[in-house]
N, C-alpha and C. Protein backbone atom coordinates (compact mmCIF):
# COMPACT_ATOMS: atom_id res chain seq x y z
N UNK A 1 139.13 155.75 63.79
CA UNK A 1 138.83 154.43 64.32
C UNK A 1 139.83 154.04 65.40
N UNK A 2 141.13 154.38 65.18
CA UNK A 2 142.15 154.07 66.18
C UNK A 2 141.89 154.80 67.49
N UNK A 3 141.34 156.04 67.39
CA UNK A 3 141.02 156.79 68.61
C UNK A 3 139.94 156.08 69.41
N UNK A 4 138.96 155.52 68.75
CA UNK A 4 137.88 154.80 69.42
C UNK A 4 138.41 153.55 70.12
N UNK A 5 139.25 152.81 69.43
CA UNK A 5 139.84 151.59 70.03
C UNK A 5 140.72 151.97 71.21
N UNK A 6 141.52 153.01 71.06
CA UNK A 6 142.40 153.47 72.13
C UNK A 6 141.59 153.95 73.34
N UNK A 7 140.53 154.69 73.09
CA UNK A 7 139.68 155.18 74.18
C UNK A 7 138.99 154.03 74.90
N UNK A 8 138.52 153.05 74.14
CA UNK A 8 137.88 151.89 74.75
C UNK A 8 138.87 151.10 75.59
N UNK A 9 140.06 150.91 75.08
CA UNK A 9 141.10 150.19 75.82
C UNK A 9 141.43 150.92 77.12
N UNK A 10 141.60 152.24 77.04
CA UNK A 10 141.90 153.03 78.24
C UNK A 10 140.76 152.97 79.24
N UNK A 11 139.54 153.01 78.75
CA UNK A 11 138.38 152.92 79.64
C UNK A 11 138.33 151.60 80.38
N UNK A 12 138.60 150.51 79.68
CA UNK A 12 138.60 149.19 80.32
C UNK A 12 139.72 149.08 81.34
N UNK A 13 140.90 149.57 80.99
CA UNK A 13 142.04 149.52 81.92
C UNK A 13 141.74 150.35 83.17
N UNK A 14 141.18 151.54 82.99
CA UNK A 14 140.85 152.37 84.14
C UNK A 14 139.78 151.73 85.01
N UNK A 15 138.81 151.08 84.39
CA UNK A 15 137.77 150.39 85.14
C UNK A 15 138.35 149.25 85.97
N UNK A 16 139.29 148.51 85.41
CA UNK A 16 139.89 147.39 86.12
C UNK A 16 140.76 147.86 87.29
N UNK A 17 141.34 149.03 87.17
CA UNK A 17 142.21 149.56 88.23
C UNK A 17 141.43 150.26 89.34
N UNK A 18 140.18 150.62 89.08
CA UNK A 18 139.38 151.36 90.05
C UNK A 18 139.02 150.44 91.22
N UNK A 19 139.38 150.84 92.43
CA UNK A 19 139.12 150.03 93.61
C UNK A 19 138.12 150.69 94.55
N UNK A 20 137.42 151.69 94.08
CA UNK A 20 136.50 152.42 94.94
C UNK A 20 135.35 151.55 95.43
N UNK A 21 134.81 150.70 94.60
CA UNK A 21 133.71 149.84 94.99
C UNK A 21 134.13 148.68 95.86
N UNK A 22 135.41 148.37 95.91
CA UNK A 22 135.89 147.25 96.71
C UNK A 22 135.66 147.49 98.20
N UNK A 23 135.73 148.74 98.64
CA UNK A 23 135.52 149.03 100.05
C UNK A 23 134.09 148.71 100.47
N UNK A 24 133.13 148.97 99.61
CA UNK A 24 131.74 148.68 99.92
C UNK A 24 131.54 147.18 100.09
N UNK A 25 132.15 146.41 99.22
CA UNK A 25 132.04 144.95 99.30
C UNK A 25 132.70 144.45 100.59
N UNK A 26 133.85 144.99 100.93
CA UNK A 26 134.53 144.57 102.15
C UNK A 26 133.69 144.88 103.38
N UNK A 27 133.10 146.07 103.44
CA UNK A 27 132.25 146.41 104.57
C UNK A 27 131.02 145.51 104.63
N UNK A 28 130.45 145.19 103.50
CA UNK A 28 129.28 144.30 103.47
C UNK A 28 129.64 142.91 103.99
N UNK A 29 130.82 142.41 103.61
CA UNK A 29 131.25 141.10 104.11
C UNK A 29 131.49 141.12 105.61
N UNK A 30 132.08 142.19 106.11
CA UNK A 30 132.31 142.32 107.56
C UNK A 30 130.98 142.34 108.30
N UNK A 31 130.03 143.11 107.79
CA UNK A 31 128.70 143.18 108.43
C UNK A 31 128.02 141.82 108.41
N UNK A 32 128.16 141.09 107.31
CA UNK A 32 127.54 139.76 107.21
C UNK A 32 128.15 138.79 108.22
N UNK A 33 129.47 138.80 108.35
CA UNK A 33 130.13 137.88 109.29
C UNK A 33 129.76 138.23 110.73
N UNK A 34 129.75 139.50 111.06
CA UNK A 34 129.38 139.91 112.42
C UNK A 34 127.93 139.55 112.70
N UNK A 35 127.06 139.74 111.73
CA UNK A 35 125.64 139.39 111.91
C UNK A 35 125.46 137.91 112.15
N UNK A 36 126.15 137.09 111.39
CA UNK A 36 126.05 135.64 111.58
C UNK A 36 126.57 135.24 112.95
N UNK A 37 127.69 135.81 113.36
CA UNK A 37 128.24 135.51 114.69
C UNK A 37 127.28 135.95 115.79
N UNK A 38 126.64 137.08 115.60
CA UNK A 38 125.68 137.58 116.59
C UNK A 38 124.47 136.68 116.69
N UNK A 39 123.95 136.22 115.56
CA UNK A 39 122.80 135.31 115.58
C UNK A 39 123.16 134.00 116.26
N UNK A 40 124.35 133.48 115.99
CA UNK A 40 124.77 132.23 116.63
C UNK A 40 124.91 132.42 118.13
N UNK A 41 125.54 133.52 118.54
CA UNK A 41 125.73 133.79 119.97
C UNK A 41 124.38 133.97 120.66
N UNK A 42 123.49 134.72 120.05
CA UNK A 42 122.18 134.94 120.68
C UNK A 42 121.35 133.68 120.71
N UNK A 43 121.48 132.82 119.73
CA UNK A 43 120.72 131.57 119.76
C UNK A 43 121.23 130.65 120.86
N UNK A 44 122.52 130.72 121.17
CA UNK A 44 123.05 129.94 122.29
C UNK A 44 122.57 130.49 123.63
N UNK A 45 122.46 131.81 123.71
CA UNK A 45 121.97 132.43 124.95
C UNK A 45 120.50 132.09 125.14
N UNK A 46 119.76 132.04 124.06
CA UNK A 46 118.32 131.81 124.13
C UNK A 46 117.95 130.34 124.14
N UNK A 47 118.89 129.48 124.48
CA UNK A 47 118.62 128.04 124.46
C UNK A 47 117.57 127.66 125.49
N UNK A 48 117.40 128.45 126.53
CA UNK A 48 116.39 128.17 127.56
C UNK A 48 115.02 128.60 127.11
N UNK A 49 114.20 128.96 128.07
CA UNK A 49 112.86 129.44 127.75
C UNK A 49 112.69 130.84 128.31
N UNK A 50 111.73 131.56 127.77
CA UNK A 50 111.49 132.92 128.22
C UNK A 50 111.21 133.83 127.05
N UNK A 51 111.04 135.10 127.33
CA UNK A 51 110.69 136.04 126.25
C UNK A 51 111.80 136.20 125.21
N UNK A 52 113.04 136.14 125.63
CA UNK A 52 114.14 136.28 124.67
C UNK A 52 114.18 135.07 123.74
N UNK A 53 113.96 133.90 124.29
CA UNK A 53 113.91 132.68 123.48
C UNK A 53 112.75 132.74 122.48
N UNK A 54 111.61 133.24 122.93
CA UNK A 54 110.46 133.38 122.03
C UNK A 54 110.77 134.36 120.90
N UNK A 55 111.45 135.45 121.22
CA UNK A 55 111.83 136.43 120.21
C UNK A 55 112.75 135.81 119.17
N UNK A 56 113.76 135.07 119.62
CA UNK A 56 114.70 134.42 118.71
C UNK A 56 113.97 133.42 117.82
N UNK A 57 113.03 132.69 118.39
CA UNK A 57 112.25 131.73 117.61
C UNK A 57 111.44 132.44 116.53
N UNK A 58 110.81 133.58 116.88
CA UNK A 58 110.02 134.32 115.90
C UNK A 58 110.90 134.87 114.78
N UNK A 59 112.09 135.39 115.14
CA UNK A 59 113.00 135.91 114.11
C UNK A 59 113.48 134.79 113.21
N UNK A 60 113.82 133.65 113.79
CA UNK A 60 114.27 132.49 113.00
C UNK A 60 113.17 132.03 112.06
N UNK A 61 111.95 131.95 112.56
CA UNK A 61 110.83 131.54 111.70
C UNK A 61 110.61 132.54 110.58
N UNK A 62 110.75 133.81 110.89
CA UNK A 62 110.54 134.85 109.86
C UNK A 62 111.61 134.77 108.78
N UNK A 63 112.83 134.45 109.17
CA UNK A 63 113.92 134.37 108.20
C UNK A 63 113.91 133.09 107.39
N UNK A 64 113.40 132.01 107.95
CA UNK A 64 113.47 130.72 107.27
C UNK A 64 112.18 130.33 106.57
N UNK A 65 111.06 130.97 106.90
CA UNK A 65 109.80 130.66 106.24
C UNK A 65 109.26 131.93 105.58
N UNK A 66 108.18 131.80 104.89
CA UNK A 66 107.61 132.96 104.18
C UNK A 66 106.61 133.72 105.03
N UNK A 67 106.35 133.25 106.24
CA UNK A 67 105.37 133.95 107.10
C UNK A 67 106.06 134.50 108.33
N UNK A 68 105.73 135.73 108.63
CA UNK A 68 106.23 136.40 109.84
C UNK A 68 105.04 136.75 110.71
N UNK A 69 105.09 136.33 111.97
CA UNK A 69 103.98 136.60 112.89
C UNK A 69 104.43 137.60 113.92
């Protein structure tokens, strides 16, 4: 029984020390921040009218509503 408790304790400690998955989360956060900055920058560029503005409007509608045209 002591071996089982000891093995479980070691497993939990090793799991808490493992940082391999942290890199994936960090990369995902970086991609999210860059994507948000890109959308904001492109929406400012597309403030006028034209095909680029229409594209931004379609993407925004697709992301904010349930219908994509």
